[in-house]
């Protein structure tokens, strides 16, 4: 039963990772057309925050898999 719970957690982490990657891509896409420096800076900050979240989620997923909690 515990393995199923961990798999559910892994699925949620992977879903969150996909969401964060999609948002980061969206911010990058829109930044190309932004000419207002203040708005561009805001999108840059949001993109960078998403990148930090992506890194954190990737590390968490890797730790779960390396710890043998999945499988």
Protein backbone atom coordinates (compact mmCIF):
# COMPACT_ATOMS: atom_id res chain seq x y z
CA UNK A 1 0.00 0.00 0.00
CA UNK A 2 2.87 2.36 0.81
CA UNK A 3 4.32 1.89 -2.69
CA UNK A 4 1.04 3.04 -4.23
CA UNK A 5 1.08 6.13 -2.06
CA UNK A 6 4.64 6.94 -3.13
CA UNK A 7 3.73 6.41 -6.78
CA UNK A 8 0.82 8.81 -6.35
CA UNK A 9 3.23 11.35 -4.84
CA UNK A 10 5.64 10.84 -7.74
CA UNK A 11 2.81 11.30 -10.24
CA UNK A 12 1.82 14.56 -8.55
CA UNK A 13 5.42 15.80 -8.55
CA UNK A 14 5.77 14.94 -12.24
CA UNK A 15 2.48 16.71 -13.03
CA UNK A 16 3.66 19.78 -11.13
CA UNK A 17 6.97 19.65 -13.02
CA UNK A 18 5.15 19.60 -16.36
CA UNK A 19 2.98 22.55 -15.27
CA UNK A 20 6.01 24.58 -14.21
CA UNK A 21 7.83 23.81 -17.47
CA UNK A 22 4.79 24.87 -19.49
CA UNK A 23 4.51 28.16 -17.60
CA UNK A 24 8.22 28.88 -17.97
CA UNK A 25 7.93 28.30 -21.70
CA UNK A 26 4.90 30.59 -21.87
CA UNK A 27 6.77 33.40 -20.08
CA UNK A 28 9.72 32.99 -22.46
CA UNK A 29 7.42 33.08 -25.47
CA UNK A 30 5.69 36.27 -24.37
CA UNK A 31 8.90 38.03 -23.36
CA UNK A 32 9.93 38.21 -27.01
CA UNK A 33 7.09 40.64 -27.74
CA UNK A 34 7.31 42.76 -24.59
CA UNK A 35 8.90 46.16 -25.12
CA UNK A 36 8.04 47.75 -21.77
CA UNK A 37 11.16 47.22 -19.60
CA UNK A 38 9.21 46.99 -16.33
CA UNK A 39 6.82 44.38 -17.69
CA UNK A 40 9.70 42.50 -19.29
CA UNK A 41 11.50 42.46 -15.93
CA UNK A 42 8.37 41.09 -14.26
CA UNK A 43 8.11 38.27 -16.83
CA UNK A 44 11.82 37.58 -16.38
CA UNK A 45 11.37 37.27 -12.62
CA UNK A 46 8.37 34.96 -13.05
CA UNK A 47 10.31 32.83 -15.54
CA UNK A 48 13.27 32.61 -13.17
CA UNK A 49 10.98 31.59 -10.31
CA UNK A 50 9.54 28.83 -12.48
CA UNK A 51 13.09 27.65 -13.27
CA UNK A 52 13.85 27.43 -9.56
CA UNK A 53 10.65 25.43 -9.05
CA UNK A 54 11.58 23.13 -11.95
CA UNK A 55 15.01 22.47 -10.44
CA UNK A 56 13.52 21.79 -7.00
CA UNK A 57 10.91 19.40 -8.40
CA UNK A 58 13.50 17.56 -10.51
CA UNK A 59 15.67 17.09 -7.43
CA UNK A 60 12.74 15.83 -5.37
CA UNK A 61 11.75 13.34 -8.07
CA UNK A 62 15.34 12.14 -8.41
CA UNK A 63 15.69 11.72 -4.63
CA UNK A 64 12.50 9.66 -4.45
CA UNK A 65 13.66 7.41 -7.26
CA UNK A 66 17.20 7.01 -5.88
CA UNK A 67 15.90 6.22 -2.41
CA UNK A 68 14.12 3.23 -3.86
CA UNK A 69 10.74 4.56 -2.87
CA UNK A 70 9.50 3.96 -6.39
CA UNK A 71 9.64 0.74 -8.24
